[in-house]
Amino acid sequence: MSLFQFIKSKSFFKQVAIAIGLLFACVFIVQWWFGFTTNHDQRIQVPDLHKMELSEAVVKLQEFDLRFEVIDSARYNPAYAKKSVIEQNPEAGDFVKENRKIYLTVNPSKYRDIVLPDLNGRTKRQAITHLLSIGFKVGEDFSYVPDIGKDVIRGFKLKGKKIKPGVKLPKTTVIDLILGDGKGK
């Protein structure tokens, strides 16, 4: 029997029909199985967690069968309460499936600590610029001590008490300067 005669035979058409039927059956079974195992068409709307404290956000996410992970809490934002949610991913209102992980950015409990540099002997202007650039605030209450250099740094005060360089203080701490009066020897 030649190839051309085989292609025209009933046996060939039966085999092609069986192959096409099995292919459709396999595709149908795989689609049904994927829909069943991946929870197709199941949607949970992500709740709005912004400005919510972390403990409240955890309870809220557990109500919706969602998990969470804190991914960043490095920068303090005074507009938000301590340990409250600043950002979330996926965003509020998005649809996700059950047991999806929600990534949260949480506000730290305070500003990070910065080392007070040794600026002794620098001018007032240099010291103010340096302190502002690293995150401190400079108070308006300047103290003067007898010194030959006018407006030269001779120390620091914090809330009226003298402090030494090298101490760690929270960012945005207000530091008062002790300056030379230019009349000393």
N, C-alpha and C. Protein backbone atom coordinates (compact mmCIF):
# COMPACT_ATOMS: atom_id res chain seq x y z
N MET A 1 0.84 -1.16 0.00
CA MET A 1 0.00 0.00 0.00
C MET A 1 0.89 1.24 0.00
N SER A 2 0.60 2.14 -0.88
CA SER A 2 1.44 3.33 -0.98
C SER A 2 0.95 4.38 0.02
N LEU A 3 1.78 5.40 0.22
CA LEU A 3 1.47 6.47 1.15
C LEU A 3 0.19 7.21 0.73
N PHE A 4 0.05 7.45 -0.53
CA PHE A 4 -1.12 8.17 -1.02
C PHE A 4 -2.40 7.37 -0.77
N GLN A 5 -2.36 6.07 -0.95
CA GLN A 5 -3.52 5.22 -0.71
C GLN A 5 -3.85 5.16 0.78
N PHE A 6 -2.82 5.16 1.63
CA PHE A 6 -3.03 5.14 3.08
C PHE A 6 -3.73 6.42 3.56
N ILE A 7 -3.31 7.58 3.00
CA ILE A 7 -3.92 8.85 3.39
C ILE A 7 -5.39 8.88 2.99
N LYS A 8 -5.79 8.21 1.92
CA LYS A 8 -7.17 8.18 1.47
C LYS A 8 -8.00 7.12 2.19
N SER A 9 -7.38 6.27 3.00
CA SER A 9 -8.10 5.16 3.62
C SER A 9 -8.90 5.59 4.84
N LYS A 10 -9.89 4.72 5.21
CA LYS A 10 -10.72 4.95 6.38
C LYS A 10 -9.90 4.89 7.66
N SER A 11 -8.96 4.05 7.73
CA SER A 11 -8.11 3.86 8.91
C SER A 11 -7.38 5.16 9.27
N PHE A 12 -6.85 5.83 8.25
CA PHE A 12 -6.14 7.09 8.49
C PHE A 12 -7.07 8.14 9.08
N PHE A 13 -8.27 8.28 8.54
CA PHE A 13 -9.22 9.29 9.03
C PHE A 13 -9.69 8.97 10.45
N LYS A 14 -9.83 7.69 10.78
CA LYS A 14 -10.20 7.30 12.15
C LYS A 14 -9.09 7.72 13.13
N GLN A 15 -7.84 7.47 12.77
CA GLN A 15 -6.73 7.82 13.65
C GLN A 15 -6.60 9.34 13.83
N VAL A 16 -6.80 10.09 12.76
CA VAL A 16 -6.76 11.56 12.86
C VAL A 16 -7.90 12.05 13.75
N ALA A 17 -9.09 11.49 13.62
CA ALA A 17 -10.24 11.90 14.43
C ALA A 17 -9.99 11.56 15.91
N ILE A 18 -9.42 10.41 16.19
CA ILE A 18 -9.11 10.02 17.57
C ILE A 18 -8.05 10.97 18.15
N ALA A 19 -7.03 11.32 17.38
CA ALA A 19 -5.98 12.23 17.84
C ALA A 19 -6.55 13.62 18.15
N ILE A 20 -7.41 14.13 17.27
CA ILE A 20 -8.02 15.45 17.50
C ILE A 20 -8.92 15.39 18.73
N GLY A 21 -9.69 14.33 18.90
CA GLY A 21 -10.56 14.17 20.07
C GLY A 21 -9.75 14.12 21.37
N LEU A 22 -8.65 13.37 21.36
CA LEU A 22 -7.79 13.30 22.56
C LEU A 22 -7.15 14.66 22.85
N LEU A 23 -6.76 15.37 21.82
CA LEU A 23 -6.16 16.70 22.02
C LEU A 23 -7.17 17.64 22.68
N PHE A 24 -8.41 17.67 22.19
CA PHE A 24 -9.44 18.52 22.80
C PHE A 24 -9.73 18.09 24.23
N ALA A 25 -9.77 16.79 24.48
CA ALA A 25 -10.03 16.28 25.83
C ALA A 25 -8.90 16.70 26.78
N CYS A 26 -7.65 16.60 26.34
CA CYS A 26 -6.51 17.00 27.17
C CYS A 26 -6.55 18.49 27.48
N VAL A 27 -6.84 19.31 26.47
CA VAL A 27 -6.91 20.76 26.68
C VAL A 27 -8.02 21.10 27.66
N PHE A 28 -9.19 20.46 27.52
CA PHE A 28 -10.30 20.70 28.44
C PHE A 28 -9.94 20.31 29.87
N ILE A 29 -9.33 19.16 30.05
CA ILE A 29 -8.95 18.69 31.39
C ILE A 29 -7.91 19.61 32.01
N VAL A 30 -6.91 20.04 31.23
CA VAL A 30 -5.87 20.94 31.77
C VAL A 30 -6.48 22.28 32.15
N GLN A 31 -7.38 22.83 31.33
CA GLN A 31 -8.03 24.10 31.67
C GLN A 31 -8.86 23.97 32.95
N TRP A 32 -9.59 22.89 33.07
CA TRP A 32 -10.39 22.67 34.27
C TRP A 32 -9.48 22.54 35.49
N TRP A 33 -8.39 21.82 35.37
CA TRP A 33 -7.47 21.61 36.48
C TRP A 33 -6.80 22.92 36.90
N PHE A 34 -6.36 23.74 35.94
CA PHE A 34 -5.77 25.05 36.27
C PHE A 34 -6.77 25.95 36.96
N GLY A 35 -8.00 25.98 36.46
CA GLY A 35 -9.04 26.81 37.09
C GLY A 35 -9.32 26.38 38.51
N PHE A 36 -9.25 25.10 38.78
CA PHE A 36 -9.51 24.57 40.12
C PHE A 36 -8.33 24.84 41.07
N THR A 37 -7.11 24.61 40.60
CA THR A 37 -5.94 24.73 41.49
C THR A 37 -5.47 26.16 41.68
N THR A 38 -5.71 27.05 40.73
CA THR A 38 -5.25 28.44 40.86
C THR A 38 -6.33 29.38 41.37
N ASN A 39 -7.46 28.83 41.81
CA ASN A 39 -8.57 29.65 42.32
C ASN A 39 -8.96 30.73 41.31
N HIS A 40 -9.13 30.34 40.08
CA HIS A 40 -9.49 31.28 39.02
C HIS A 40 -10.80 31.98 39.36
N ASP A 41 -10.86 33.26 39.07
CA ASP A 41 -12.02 34.13 39.34
C ASP A 41 -12.22 34.44 40.82
N GLN A 42 -11.32 33.99 41.68
CA GLN A 42 -11.42 34.38 43.08
C GLN A 42 -10.66 35.69 43.24
N ARG A 43 -11.31 36.72 43.81
CA ARG A 43 -10.67 38.03 43.95
C ARG A 43 -10.97 38.59 45.33
N ILE A 44 -9.92 39.13 45.94
CA ILE A 44 -10.06 39.83 47.22
C ILE A 44 -9.57 41.25 46.98
N GLN A 45 -10.36 42.23 47.39
CA GLN A 45 -9.94 43.62 47.23
C GLN A 45 -9.03 43.99 48.39
N VAL A 46 -7.85 44.54 48.06
CA VAL A 46 -6.86 44.91 49.08
C VAL A 46 -7.40 46.10 49.88
N PRO A 47 -7.41 45.98 51.22
CA PRO A 47 -7.91 47.10 52.03
C PRO A 47 -6.91 48.26 52.07
N ASP A 48 -7.41 49.45 52.39
CA ASP A 48 -6.55 50.63 52.51
C ASP A 48 -5.91 50.61 53.90
N LEU A 49 -4.59 50.49 53.94
CA LEU A 49 -3.86 50.39 55.20
C LEU A 49 -3.08 51.66 55.53
N HIS A 50 -3.14 52.68 54.69
CA HIS A 50 -2.37 53.90 54.91
C HIS A 50 -2.71 54.54 56.24
N LYS A 51 -1.69 54.99 56.94
CA LYS A 51 -1.76 55.65 58.25
C LYS A 51 -2.30 54.74 59.35
N MET A 52 -2.47 53.45 59.06
CA MET A 52 -2.94 52.51 60.05
C MET A 52 -1.73 51.97 60.81
N GLU A 53 -1.83 51.80 62.13
CA GLU A 53 -0.72 51.23 62.88
C GLU A 53 -0.51 49.80 62.44
N LEU A 54 0.73 49.31 62.58
CA LEU A 54 1.09 47.99 62.08
C LEU A 54 0.22 46.90 62.71
N SER A 55 -0.04 46.99 64.00
CA SER A 55 -0.85 45.95 64.66
C SER A 55 -2.27 45.92 64.09
N GLU A 56 -2.85 47.08 63.80
CA GLU A 56 -4.18 47.13 63.20
C GLU A 56 -4.16 46.58 61.77
N ALA A 57 -3.10 46.91 61.04
CA ALA A 57 -2.98 46.43 59.65
C ALA A 57 -2.87 44.91 59.61
N VAL A 58 -2.15 44.32 60.56
CA VAL A 58 -2.01 42.86 60.61
C VAL A 58 -3.37 42.20 60.82
N VAL A 59 -4.15 42.73 61.75
CA VAL A 59 -5.48 42.18 62.01
C VAL A 59 -6.35 42.30 60.76
N LYS A 60 -6.30 43.45 60.12
CA LYS A 60 -7.11 43.69 58.91
C LYS A 60 -6.72 42.71 57.80
N LEU A 61 -5.42 42.49 57.61
CA LEU A 61 -4.97 41.56 56.56
C LEU A 61 -5.37 40.12 56.89
N GLN A 62 -5.33 39.75 58.15
CA GLN A 62 -5.73 38.39 58.54
C GLN A 62 -7.22 38.17 58.28
N GLU A 63 -8.04 39.19 58.43
CA GLU A 63 -9.47 39.08 58.13
C GLU A 63 -9.70 38.72 56.66
N PHE A 64 -8.83 39.21 55.80
CA PHE A 64 -8.96 38.97 54.36
C PHE A 64 -8.12 37.79 53.87
N ASP A 65 -7.52 37.02 54.78
CA ASP A 65 -6.64 35.90 54.44
C ASP A 65 -5.47 36.35 53.56
N LEU A 66 -4.85 37.46 53.95
CA LEU A 66 -3.68 37.98 53.24
C LEU A 66 -2.49 37.99 54.20
N ARG A 67 -1.30 37.80 53.64
CA ARG A 67 -0.07 37.85 54.43
C ARG A 67 0.59 39.21 54.22
N PHE A 68 1.61 39.52 55.04
CA PHE A 68 2.30 40.80 54.87
C PHE A 68 3.79 40.61 55.12
N GLU A 69 4.55 41.58 54.61
CA GLU A 69 5.99 41.63 54.86
C GLU A 69 6.39 43.10 54.90
N VAL A 70 7.13 43.46 55.94
CA VAL A 70 7.63 44.83 56.05
C VAL A 70 8.91 44.90 55.23
N ILE A 71 8.93 45.76 54.21
CA ILE A 71 10.09 45.81 53.32
C ILE A 71 11.01 46.98 53.58
N ASP A 72 10.52 48.03 54.26
CA ASP A 72 11.37 49.20 54.46
C ASP A 72 10.82 50.04 55.59
N SER A 73 11.69 50.51 56.43
CA SER A 73 11.26 51.42 57.48
C SER A 73 12.42 52.33 57.84
N ALA A 74 13.14 52.79 56.85
CA ALA A 74 14.37 53.54 57.10
C ALA A 74 14.15 55.03 57.32
N ARG A 75 13.19 55.65 56.66
CA ARG A 75 13.05 57.10 56.81
C ARG A 75 11.83 57.45 57.63
N TYR A 76 12.05 58.25 58.62
CA TYR A 76 10.99 58.69 59.51
C TYR A 76 10.21 59.82 58.85
N ASN A 77 8.89 59.73 58.91
CA ASN A 77 8.02 60.77 58.35
C ASN A 77 7.13 61.27 59.48
N PRO A 78 7.34 62.52 59.93
CA PRO A 78 6.55 63.01 61.07
C PRO A 78 5.06 63.18 60.77
N ALA A 79 4.66 63.13 59.51
CA ALA A 79 3.24 63.25 59.16
C ALA A 79 2.46 61.99 59.52
N TYR A 80 3.14 60.87 59.76
CA TYR A 80 2.51 59.60 60.09
C TYR A 80 2.83 59.24 61.55
N ALA A 81 1.93 58.49 62.16
CA ALA A 81 2.17 58.02 63.53
C ALA A 81 3.31 57.00 63.53
N LYS A 82 3.92 56.80 64.68
CA LYS A 82 5.01 55.83 64.80
C LYS A 82 4.48 54.44 64.48
N LYS A 83 5.29 53.68 63.73
CA LYS A 83 4.98 52.31 63.32
C LYS A 83 3.63 52.20 62.60
N SER A 84 3.33 53.19 61.76
CA SER A 84 2.13 53.13 60.93
C SER A 84 2.55 52.92 59.48
N VAL A 85 1.61 52.47 58.67
CA VAL A 85 1.89 52.14 57.28
C VAL A 85 1.98 53.42 56.45
N ILE A 86 3.13 53.57 55.75
CA ILE A 86 3.34 54.72 54.86
C ILE A 86 2.93 54.35 53.44
N GLU A 87 3.35 53.17 52.99
CA GLU A 87 3.04 52.70 51.64
C GLU A 87 2.68 51.22 51.69
N GLN A 88 1.97 50.77 50.66
CA GLN A 88 1.66 49.36 50.52
C GLN A 88 1.69 48.98 49.05
N ASN A 89 2.04 47.71 48.82
CA ASN A 89 2.08 47.19 47.46
C ASN A 89 1.57 45.75 47.49
N PRO A 90 0.51 45.42 46.79
CA PRO A 90 -0.33 46.17 45.88
C PRO A 90 -1.11 47.28 46.60
N GLU A 91 -1.51 48.28 45.83
CA GLU A 91 -2.21 49.44 46.37
C GLU A 91 -3.62 49.06 46.84
N ALA A 92 -4.19 49.92 47.66
CA ALA A 92 -5.56 49.72 48.14
C ALA A 92 -6.51 49.73 46.95
N GLY A 93 -7.45 48.79 46.95
CA GLY A 93 -8.42 48.70 45.87
C GLY A 93 -8.06 47.71 44.79
N ASP A 94 -6.78 47.31 44.72
CA ASP A 94 -6.38 46.29 43.74
C ASP A 94 -6.97 44.94 44.15
N PHE A 95 -7.11 44.05 43.18
CA PHE A 95 -7.64 42.72 43.46
C PHE A 95 -6.51 41.70 43.46
N VAL A 96 -6.52 40.83 44.47
CA VAL A 96 -5.51 39.78 44.60
C VAL A 96 -6.20 38.48 44.98
N LYS A 97 -5.43 37.40 44.98
CA LYS A 97 -5.97 36.11 45.40
C LYS A 97 -5.68 35.87 46.87
N GLU A 98 -6.36 34.90 47.42
CA GLU A 98 -6.20 34.52 48.81
C GLU A 98 -4.74 34.17 49.12
N ASN A 99 -4.28 34.54 50.32
CA ASN A 99 -2.94 34.23 50.81
C ASN A 99 -1.84 34.98 50.08
N ARG A 100 -2.18 36.06 49.40
CA ARG A 100 -1.20 36.89 48.70
C ARG A 100 -0.42 37.71 49.72
N LYS A 101 0.85 37.96 49.46
CA LYS A 101 1.68 38.75 50.36
C LYS A 101 1.56 40.23 49.99
N ILE A 102 1.27 41.06 50.99
CA ILE A 102 1.18 42.50 50.82
C ILE A 102 2.45 43.10 51.43
N TYR A 103 3.17 43.91 50.67
CA TYR A 103 4.42 44.51 51.14
C TYR A 103 4.13 45.89 51.73
N LEU A 104 4.56 46.09 52.98
CA LEU A 104 4.27 47.32 53.71
C LEU A 104 5.54 48.10 54.02
N THR A 105 5.48 49.41 53.85
CA THR A 105 6.54 50.31 54.30
C THR A 105 6.03 50.97 55.56
N VAL A 106 6.76 50.78 56.67
CA VAL A 106 6.31 51.23 57.97
C VAL A 106 7.17 52.39 58.46
N ASN A 107 6.53 53.37 59.09
CA ASN A 107 7.22 54.52 59.66
C ASN A 107 8.00 54.09 60.90
N PRO A 108 9.30 54.39 60.99
CA PRO A 108 10.04 54.02 62.20
C PRO A 108 9.55 54.82 63.41
N SER A 109 10.01 54.43 64.59
CA SER A 109 9.53 55.07 65.81
C SER A 109 10.18 56.42 66.05
N LYS A 110 11.30 56.72 65.40
CA LYS A 110 11.95 58.03 65.56
C LYS A 110 12.93 58.24 64.42
N TYR A 111 13.46 59.46 64.35
CA TYR A 111 14.51 59.74 63.38
C TYR A 111 15.74 58.91 63.72
N ARG A 112 16.56 58.64 62.74
CA ARG A 112 17.80 57.90 63.01
C ARG A 112 18.76 58.79 63.76
N ASP A 113 19.67 58.17 64.50
CA ASP A 113 20.65 58.91 65.28
C ASP A 113 21.84 59.30 64.41
N ILE A 114 22.35 60.51 64.66
CA ILE A 114 23.49 61.05 63.92
C ILE A 114 24.56 61.44 64.93
N VAL A 115 25.82 61.21 64.59
CA VAL A 115 26.92 61.58 65.47
C VAL A 115 27.17 63.08 65.34
N LEU A 116 27.26 63.75 66.48
CA LEU A 116 27.56 65.19 66.50
C LEU A 116 29.04 65.37 66.17
N PRO A 117 29.37 66.07 65.07
CA PRO A 117 30.78 66.19 64.67
C PRO A 117 31.54 67.18 65.55
N ASP A 118 32.86 67.04 65.53
CA ASP A 118 33.73 67.97 66.27
C ASP A 118 34.00 69.16 65.36
N LEU A 119 33.37 70.28 65.65
CA LEU A 119 33.51 71.49 64.84
C LEU A 119 34.26 72.58 65.60
N ASN A 120 34.93 72.21 66.66
CA ASN A 120 35.66 73.18 67.48
C ASN A 120 36.71 73.90 66.62
N GLY A 121 36.69 75.24 66.66
CA GLY A 121 37.62 76.04 65.88
C GLY A 121 37.07 76.50 64.54
N ARG A 122 35.92 75.99 64.14
CA ARG A 122 35.32 76.45 62.89
C ARG A 122 34.48 77.70 63.15
N THR A 123 34.20 78.43 62.08
CA THR A 123 33.39 79.63 62.23
C THR A 123 31.93 79.26 62.43
N LYS A 124 31.16 80.21 62.92
CA LYS A 124 29.74 80.00 63.15
C LYS A 124 29.04 79.61 61.85
N ARG A 125 29.35 80.30 60.78
CA ARG A 125 28.71 80.03 59.49
C ARG A 125 29.04 78.63 58.98
N GLN A 126 30.31 78.22 59.09
CA GLN A 126 30.70 76.87 58.67
C GLN A 126 29.98 75.82 59.50
N ALA A 127 29.92 76.03 60.80
CA ALA A 127 29.29 75.06 61.69
C ALA A 127 27.80 74.94 61.42
N ILE A 128 27.12 76.07 61.24
CA ILE A 128 25.69 76.03 60.97
C ILE A 128 25.41 75.29 59.67
N THR A 129 26.18 75.59 58.64
CA THR A 129 26.01 74.91 57.34
C THR A 129 26.22 73.41 57.48
N HIS A 130 27.27 73.01 58.19
CA HIS A 130 27.57 71.59 58.36
C HIS A 130 26.48 70.89 59.18
N LEU A 131 26.05 71.48 60.27
CA LEU A 131 25.02 70.85 61.11
C LEU A 131 23.69 70.72 60.36
N LEU A 132 23.32 71.74 59.60
CA LEU A 132 22.08 71.66 58.82
C LEU A 132 22.17 70.59 57.73
N SER A 133 23.35 70.46 57.12
CA SER A 133 23.50 69.50 56.02
C SER A 133 23.40 68.06 56.49
N ILE A 134 23.76 67.78 57.74
CA ILE A 134 23.66 66.40 58.22
C ILE A 134 22.35 66.11 58.94
N GLY A 135 21.49 67.14 59.09
CA GLY A 135 20.15 66.88 59.60
C GLY A 135 19.81 67.51 60.94
N PHE A 136 20.75 68.18 61.58
CA PHE A 136 20.43 68.85 62.84
C PHE A 136 19.79 70.21 62.57
N LYS A 137 19.18 70.78 63.60
CA LYS A 137 18.69 72.15 63.53
C LYS A 137 19.53 72.98 64.50
N VAL A 138 19.75 74.22 64.18
CA VAL A 138 20.57 75.10 65.01
C VAL A 138 19.65 76.10 65.70
N GLY A 139 19.78 76.15 67.03
CA GLY A 139 18.96 77.05 67.83
C GLY A 139 19.42 78.50 67.71
N GLU A 140 18.58 79.41 68.15
CA GLU A 140 18.90 80.84 68.10
C GLU A 140 19.60 81.30 69.38
N ASP A 141 19.70 80.44 70.37
CA ASP A 141 20.28 80.80 71.66
C ASP A 141 21.79 80.56 71.63
N PHE A 142 22.54 81.58 71.20
CA PHE A 142 24.00 81.47 71.16
C PHE A 142 24.58 81.89 72.51
N SER A 143 25.50 81.10 73.02
CA SER A 143 26.22 81.45 74.26
C SER A 143 27.62 81.91 73.87
N TYR A 144 28.15 82.86 74.60
CA TYR A 144 29.49 83.37 74.31
C TYR A 144 30.40 83.14 75.50
N VAL A 145 31.64 82.72 75.20
CA VAL A 145 32.66 82.53 76.22
C VAL A 145 33.87 83.38 75.84
N PRO A 146 34.68 83.78 76.81
CA PRO A 146 35.87 84.57 76.49
C PRO A 146 36.82 83.76 75.59
N ASP A 147 37.12 84.30 74.43
CA ASP A 147 38.01 83.62 73.48
C ASP A 147 38.54 84.66 72.51
N ILE A 148 39.71 84.40 71.98
CA ILE A 148 40.33 85.34 71.04
C ILE A 148 39.58 85.37 69.70
N GLY A 149 38.99 84.25 69.32
CA GLY A 149 38.27 84.19 68.03
C GLY A 149 36.82 84.59 68.18
N LYS A 150 36.40 85.54 67.33
CA LYS A 150 35.00 85.97 67.38
C LYS A 150 34.15 85.02 66.52
N ASP A 151 33.04 84.58 67.08
CA ASP A 151 32.10 83.66 66.41
C ASP A 151 32.78 82.36 65.96
N VAL A 152 33.68 81.85 66.78
CA VAL A 152 34.34 80.57 66.54
C VAL A 152 33.72 79.56 67.49
N ILE A 153 33.45 78.35 66.99
CA ILE A 153 32.79 77.32 67.80
C ILE A 153 33.71 76.89 68.95
N ARG A 154 33.13 76.90 70.17
CA ARG A 154 33.86 76.46 71.36
C ARG A 154 33.08 75.39 72.12
N GLY A 155 31.95 74.96 71.58
CA GLY A 155 31.16 73.90 72.20
C GLY A 155 29.72 73.90 71.73
N PHE A 156 28.95 72.95 72.29
CA PHE A 156 27.54 72.80 71.94
C PHE A 156 26.70 72.66 73.20
N LYS A 157 25.43 73.05 73.11
CA LYS A 157 24.48 72.85 74.19
C LYS A 157 23.23 72.20 73.64
N LEU A 158 22.66 71.35 74.49
CA LEU A 158 21.39 70.71 74.17
C LEU A 158 20.48 70.91 75.37
N LYS A 159 19.42 71.66 75.18
CA LYS A 159 18.46 71.98 76.24
C LYS A 159 19.17 72.58 77.46
N GLY A 160 20.11 73.47 77.20
CA GLY A 160 20.81 74.18 78.27
C GLY A 160 21.99 73.45 78.88
N LYS A 161 22.24 72.20 78.50
CA LYS A 161 23.36 71.44 79.06
C LYS A 161 24.43 71.27 77.99
N LYS A 162 25.69 71.39 78.41
CA LYS A 162 26.80 71.26 77.48
C LYS A 162 26.94 69.80 77.05
N ILE A 163 27.15 69.58 75.76
CA ILE A 163 27.36 68.23 75.23
C ILE A 163 28.66 68.18 74.47
N LYS A 164 29.23 66.99 74.36
CA LYS A 164 30.52 66.81 73.70
C LYS A 164 30.33 66.27 72.28
N PRO A 165 31.24 66.60 71.38
CA PRO A 165 31.20 66.01 70.04
C PRO A 165 31.34 64.49 70.13
N GLY A 166 30.73 63.79 69.19
CA GLY A 166 30.80 62.33 69.16
C GLY A 166 29.56 61.67 69.73
N VAL A 167 28.73 62.43 70.44
CA VAL A 167 27.51 61.87 71.00
C VAL A 167 26.48 61.68 69.87
N LYS A 168 25.67 60.62 69.97
CA LYS A 168 24.65 60.36 68.96
C LYS A 168 23.35 61.01 69.39
N LEU A 169 22.76 61.77 68.47
CA LEU A 169 21.50 62.47 68.71
C LEU A 169 20.56 62.21 67.54
N PRO A 170 19.24 62.20 67.82
CA PRO A 170 18.29 62.01 66.72
C PRO A 170 18.35 63.15 65.70
N LYS A 171 18.12 62.81 64.45
CA LYS A 171 18.06 63.82 63.39
C LYS A 171 17.02 64.86 63.77
N THR A 172 17.20 66.09 63.38
CA THR A 172 16.36 67.26 63.65
C THR A 172 16.45 67.76 65.09
N THR A 173 17.41 67.26 65.88
CA THR A 173 17.61 67.79 67.23
C THR A 173 18.09 69.24 67.12
N VAL A 174 17.57 70.10 67.99
CA VAL A 174 17.97 71.51 68.00
C VAL A 174 19.21 71.65 68.89
N ILE A 175 20.30 72.13 68.30
CA ILE A 175 21.57 72.29 69.00
C ILE A 175 21.89 73.78 69.10
N ASP A 176 22.24 74.21 70.30
CA ASP A 176 22.66 75.59 70.52
C ASP A 176 24.18 75.65 70.49
N LEU A 177 24.72 76.73 69.96
CA LEU A 177 26.17 76.87 69.78
C LEU A 177 26.77 77.70 70.91
N ILE A 178 27.97 77.30 71.32
CA ILE A 178 28.78 78.10 72.25
C ILE A 178 29.90 78.70 71.40
N LEU A 179 29.96 80.03 71.38
CA LEU A 179 30.87 80.74 70.49
C LEU A 179 31.87 81.58 71.28
N GLY A 180 32.99 81.87 70.63
CA GLY A 180 33.97 82.79 71.20
C GLY A 180 33.49 84.22 71.02
N ASP A 181 33.78 85.08 72.01
CA ASP A 181 33.31 86.47 71.93
C ASP A 181 34.28 87.42 71.26
N GLY A 182 35.53 86.96 70.98
CA GLY A 182 36.52 87.81 70.31
C GLY A 182 37.22 88.76 71.25
N LYS A 183 36.96 88.72 72.54
CA LYS A 183 37.57 89.62 73.50
C LYS A 183 38.54 88.92 74.43
N GLY A 184 38.60 87.63 74.37
CA GLY A 184 39.47 86.87 75.27
C GLY A 184 40.91 86.87 74.84
N LYS A 185 41.76 86.29 75.68
CA LYS A 185 43.19 86.23 75.36
C LYS A 185 43.57 84.82 74.97
